[in-house]
Amino acid sequence: MVRFYHGCGPQAHLAADLIVEVREGRAALVKALKNEQEHWGSLGVMMDRLDRACEVMERATLLAEGEPDARRRRRVTAAGTGGRGRPRAR
């Protein structure tokens, strides 16, 4: 948005200078926020890659131990069995 101030004098020049200063400050803030978002976005991508690598290592470890299905083991443990098979009757 562009505003033109008509008139002359120190008040009109001061108002115009203040508005320019505020706009420049807002532009700098927007730029800083965009840079920060890009930084956090790249960290999120790296964390996703690390999570996938950890899942692959977990599956490989369970397969090496003889566990055929890592997902079933987690599901049964989460059901409150302590990893011993079927869920307990309550």
N, C-alpha and C. Protein backbone atom coordinates (compact mmCIF):
# COMPACT_ATOMS: atom_id res chain seq x y z
N MET A 1 0.85 -1.16 0.00
CA MET A 1 0.00 0.00 0.00
C MET A 1 0.90 1.23 0.00
N VAL A 2 0.59 2.15 -0.85
CA VAL A 2 1.37 3.39 -0.96
C VAL A 2 0.47 4.55 -0.57
N ARG A 3 0.97 5.38 0.29
CA ARG A 3 0.22 6.56 0.68
C ARG A 3 1.04 7.79 0.36
N PHE A 4 0.38 8.77 -0.13
CA PHE A 4 1.03 10.04 -0.43
C PHE A 4 0.57 11.06 0.59
N TYR A 5 1.48 11.78 1.13
CA TYR A 5 1.16 12.82 2.09
C TYR A 5 1.29 14.17 1.38
N HIS A 6 0.22 14.91 1.40
CA HIS A 6 0.23 16.23 0.77
C HIS A 6 0.57 17.27 1.82
N GLY A 7 1.17 18.22 1.35
CA GLY A 7 1.56 19.27 2.26
C GLY A 7 3.07 19.26 2.45
N CYS A 8 3.50 20.23 3.15
CA CYS A 8 4.93 20.32 3.40
C CYS A 8 5.12 20.73 4.85
N GLY A 9 6.29 20.73 5.23
CA GLY A 9 6.56 21.10 6.60
C GLY A 9 7.22 19.96 7.33
N PRO A 10 7.71 20.24 8.49
CA PRO A 10 8.44 19.20 9.24
C PRO A 10 7.56 18.03 9.68
N GLN A 11 6.27 18.30 9.99
CA GLN A 11 5.40 17.21 10.43
C GLN A 11 5.16 16.21 9.29
N ALA A 12 4.94 16.69 8.08
CA ALA A 12 4.69 15.80 6.94
C ALA A 12 5.94 14.99 6.63
N HIS A 13 7.10 15.59 6.67
CA HIS A 13 8.34 14.87 6.40
C HIS A 13 8.62 13.85 7.50
N LEU A 14 8.36 14.21 8.74
CA LEU A 14 8.57 13.30 9.86
C LEU A 14 7.65 12.09 9.74
N ALA A 15 6.37 12.32 9.41
CA ALA A 15 5.41 11.22 9.25
C ALA A 15 5.86 10.29 8.14
N ALA A 16 6.30 10.83 7.02
CA ALA A 16 6.75 10.01 5.91
C ALA A 16 7.99 9.21 6.29
N ASP A 17 8.91 9.81 6.99
CA ASP A 17 10.12 9.11 7.43
C ASP A 17 9.80 7.99 8.41
N LEU A 18 8.88 8.24 9.32
CA LEU A 18 8.49 7.20 10.29
C LEU A 18 7.83 6.01 9.60
N ILE A 19 6.99 6.30 8.62
CA ILE A 19 6.31 5.22 7.91
C ILE A 19 7.32 4.37 7.14
N VAL A 20 8.27 5.01 6.50
CA VAL A 20 9.32 4.27 5.77
C VAL A 20 10.11 3.41 6.75
N GLU A 21 10.42 3.94 7.90
CA GLU A 21 11.18 3.20 8.91
C GLU A 21 10.41 1.97 9.39
N VAL A 22 9.11 2.14 9.63
CA VAL A 22 8.28 1.02 10.08
C VAL A 22 8.19 -0.05 9.00
N ARG A 23 8.02 0.35 7.73
CA ARG A 23 7.94 -0.61 6.64
C ARG A 23 9.24 -1.40 6.50
N GLU A 24 10.37 -0.70 6.62
CA GLU A 24 11.66 -1.38 6.52
C GLU A 24 11.85 -2.36 7.67
N GLY A 25 11.40 -1.98 8.86
CA GLY A 25 11.48 -2.87 10.01
C GLY A 25 10.64 -4.11 9.82
N ARG A 26 9.43 -3.95 9.30
CA ARG A 26 8.56 -5.10 9.05
C ARG A 26 9.17 -6.02 7.98
N ALA A 27 9.74 -5.42 6.94
CA ALA A 27 10.36 -6.22 5.87
C ALA A 27 11.53 -7.04 6.42
N ALA A 28 12.31 -6.43 7.30
CA ALA A 28 13.44 -7.15 7.91
C ALA A 28 12.94 -8.29 8.79
N LEU A 29 11.86 -8.06 9.52
CA LEU A 29 11.29 -9.11 10.37
C LEU A 29 10.76 -10.26 9.53
N VAL A 30 10.06 -9.95 8.45
CA VAL A 30 9.54 -11.00 7.57
C VAL A 30 10.68 -11.82 6.99
N LYS A 31 11.75 -11.16 6.57
CA LYS A 31 12.90 -11.86 6.01
C LYS A 31 13.54 -12.78 7.06
N ALA A 32 13.68 -12.30 8.27
CA ALA A 32 14.26 -13.11 9.35
C ALA A 32 13.39 -14.33 9.65
N LEU A 33 12.07 -14.14 9.67
CA LEU A 33 11.17 -15.26 9.93
C LEU A 33 11.23 -16.31 8.82
N LYS A 34 11.31 -15.87 7.57
CA LYS A 34 11.43 -16.81 6.46
C LYS A 34 12.73 -17.60 6.55
N ASN A 35 13.82 -16.94 6.90
CA ASN A 35 15.09 -17.64 7.06
C ASN A 35 15.03 -18.67 8.17
N GLU A 36 14.37 -18.30 9.27
CA GLU A 36 14.24 -19.23 10.39
C GLU A 36 13.37 -20.43 10.02
N GLN A 37 12.29 -20.20 9.28
CA GLN A 37 11.44 -21.31 8.84
C GLN A 37 12.20 -22.26 7.93
N GLU A 38 13.01 -21.72 7.04
CA GLU A 38 13.82 -22.58 6.16
C GLU A 38 14.79 -23.42 6.98
N HIS A 39 15.38 -22.80 7.99
CA HIS A 39 16.33 -23.51 8.85
C HIS A 39 15.63 -24.67 9.57
N TRP A 40 14.48 -24.40 10.19
CA TRP A 40 13.76 -25.45 10.92
C TRP A 40 13.22 -26.50 9.97
N GLY A 41 12.84 -26.09 8.76
CA GLY A 41 12.37 -27.06 7.77
C GLY A 41 13.46 -28.05 7.39
N SER A 42 14.68 -27.56 7.20
CA SER A 42 15.78 -28.45 6.85
C SER A 42 16.11 -29.38 8.02
N LEU A 43 15.99 -28.90 9.25
CA LEU A 43 16.21 -29.77 10.41
C LEU A 43 15.15 -30.85 10.49
N GLY A 44 13.92 -30.51 10.13
CA GLY A 44 12.84 -31.50 10.13
C GLY A 44 13.10 -32.60 9.12
N VAL A 45 13.62 -32.25 7.96
CA VAL A 45 13.95 -33.25 6.94
C VAL A 45 15.04 -34.17 7.47
N MET A 46 16.06 -33.60 8.10
CA MET A 46 17.14 -34.43 8.65
C MET A 46 16.62 -35.37 9.74
N MET A 47 15.71 -34.88 10.58
CA MET A 47 15.15 -35.74 11.64
C MET A 47 14.32 -36.88 11.04
N ASP A 48 13.58 -36.60 9.98
CA ASP A 48 12.81 -37.66 9.31
C ASP A 48 13.74 -38.73 8.77
N ARG A 49 14.84 -38.32 8.16
CA ARG A 49 15.81 -39.29 7.64
C ARG A 49 16.41 -40.12 8.77
N LEU A 50 16.72 -39.48 9.88
CA LEU A 50 17.28 -40.19 11.02
C LEU A 50 16.27 -41.19 11.58
N ASP A 51 14.99 -40.80 11.67
CA ASP A 51 13.95 -41.71 12.13
C ASP A 51 13.85 -42.94 11.24
N ARG A 52 13.87 -42.72 9.92
CA ARG A 52 13.79 -43.86 8.99
C ARG A 52 15.01 -44.77 9.15
N ALA A 53 16.20 -44.19 9.32
CA ALA A 53 17.40 -45.00 9.50
C ALA A 53 17.32 -45.81 10.79
N CYS A 54 16.79 -45.21 11.85
CA CYS A 54 16.65 -45.93 13.12
C CYS A 54 15.65 -47.07 12.99
N GLU A 55 14.57 -46.86 12.27
CA GLU A 55 13.60 -47.93 12.05
C GLU A 55 14.21 -49.09 11.29
N VAL A 56 15.01 -48.78 10.26
CA VAL A 56 15.68 -49.84 9.50
C VAL A 56 16.63 -50.62 10.40
N MET A 57 17.38 -49.91 11.24
CA MET A 57 18.31 -50.58 12.14
C MET A 57 17.56 -51.44 13.17
N GLU A 58 16.42 -50.94 13.64
CA GLU A 58 15.63 -51.71 14.60
C GLU A 58 15.11 -53.00 13.96
N ARG A 59 14.58 -52.89 12.74
CA ARG A 59 14.09 -54.09 12.05
C ARG A 59 15.22 -55.08 11.80
N ALA A 60 16.39 -54.56 11.40
CA ALA A 60 17.53 -55.44 11.14
C ALA A 60 17.96 -56.16 12.42
N THR A 61 17.97 -55.45 13.53
CA THR A 61 18.35 -56.06 14.81
C THR A 61 17.35 -57.14 15.21
N LEU A 62 16.07 -56.85 15.07
CA LEU A 62 15.05 -57.84 15.44
C LEU A 62 15.10 -59.06 14.53
N LEU A 63 15.34 -58.84 13.26
CA LEU A 63 15.47 -59.98 12.34
C LEU A 63 16.71 -60.80 12.68
N ALA A 64 17.79 -60.15 13.05
CA ALA A 64 19.00 -60.87 13.42
C ALA A 64 18.78 -61.68 14.70
N GLU A 65 17.91 -61.22 15.59
CA GLU A 65 17.60 -61.95 16.82
C GLU A 65 16.59 -63.07 16.59
N GLY A 66 16.02 -63.12 15.39
CA GLY A 66 15.07 -64.18 15.09
C GLY A 66 13.62 -63.74 15.17
N GLU A 67 13.34 -62.49 15.39
CA GLU A 67 11.97 -61.99 15.45
C GLU A 67 11.50 -61.72 14.02
N PRO A 68 10.48 -62.45 13.53
CA PRO A 68 10.08 -62.31 12.13
C PRO A 68 9.33 -61.01 11.82
N ASP A 69 8.59 -60.46 12.78
CA ASP A 69 7.79 -59.28 12.50
C ASP A 69 7.92 -58.29 13.65
N ALA A 70 8.68 -57.24 13.41
CA ALA A 70 8.93 -56.25 14.48
C ALA A 70 7.66 -55.52 14.86
N ARG A 71 6.76 -55.29 13.90
CA ARG A 71 5.53 -54.55 14.22
C ARG A 71 4.65 -55.34 15.17
N ARG A 72 4.52 -56.64 14.98
CA ARG A 72 3.69 -57.45 15.85
C ARG A 72 4.23 -57.41 17.28
N ARG A 73 5.53 -57.47 17.42
CA ARG A 73 6.13 -57.45 18.75
C ARG A 73 5.79 -56.15 19.49
N ARG A 74 5.85 -55.04 18.80
CA ARG A 74 5.51 -53.78 19.45
C ARG A 74 4.04 -53.72 19.80
N ARG A 75 3.17 -54.23 18.92
CA ARG A 75 1.74 -54.19 19.16
C ARG A 75 1.37 -55.04 20.37
N VAL A 76 1.93 -56.23 20.46
CA VAL A 76 1.63 -57.12 21.58
C VAL A 76 2.14 -56.53 22.87
N THR A 77 3.32 -55.97 22.85
CA THR A 77 3.87 -55.35 24.05
C THR A 77 3.00 -54.17 24.49
N ALA A 78 2.52 -53.40 23.53
CA ALA A 78 1.68 -52.25 23.85
C ALA A 78 0.34 -52.67 24.43
N ALA A 79 -0.12 -53.90 24.13
CA ALA A 79 -1.41 -54.37 24.64
C ALA A 79 -1.33 -54.77 26.11
N GLY A 80 -0.16 -54.80 26.69
CA GLY A 80 -0.05 -55.07 28.12
C GLY A 80 0.32 -56.49 28.44
N THR A 81 0.97 -57.20 27.52
CA THR A 81 1.33 -58.59 27.78
C THR A 81 2.73 -58.74 28.30
N GLY A 82 3.53 -57.70 28.19
CA GLY A 82 4.91 -57.82 28.60
C GLY A 82 5.74 -58.56 27.56
N GLY A 83 5.23 -58.72 26.37
CA GLY A 83 5.96 -59.39 25.30
C GLY A 83 5.88 -60.90 25.35
N ARG A 84 4.88 -61.48 26.08
CA ARG A 84 4.80 -62.93 26.24
C ARG A 84 3.79 -63.59 25.33
N GLY A 85 3.19 -62.91 24.42
CA GLY A 85 2.24 -63.57 23.52
C GLY A 85 0.90 -62.87 23.51
N ARG A 86 -0.14 -63.64 23.84
CA ARG A 86 -1.50 -63.09 23.77
C ARG A 86 -1.77 -62.13 24.94
N PRO A 87 -2.66 -61.16 24.70
CA PRO A 87 -3.04 -60.26 25.79
C PRO A 87 -3.74 -61.00 26.92
N ARG A 88 -3.52 -60.56 28.13
CA ARG A 88 -4.15 -61.18 29.29
C ARG A 88 -5.64 -60.86 29.35
N ALA A 89 -6.41 -61.81 29.81
CA ALA A 89 -7.85 -61.57 30.03
C ALA A 89 -8.00 -60.74 31.30
N ARG A 90 -8.97 -59.86 31.28
CA ARG A 90 -9.16 -58.99 32.45
C ARG A 90 -10.47 -59.23 33.10
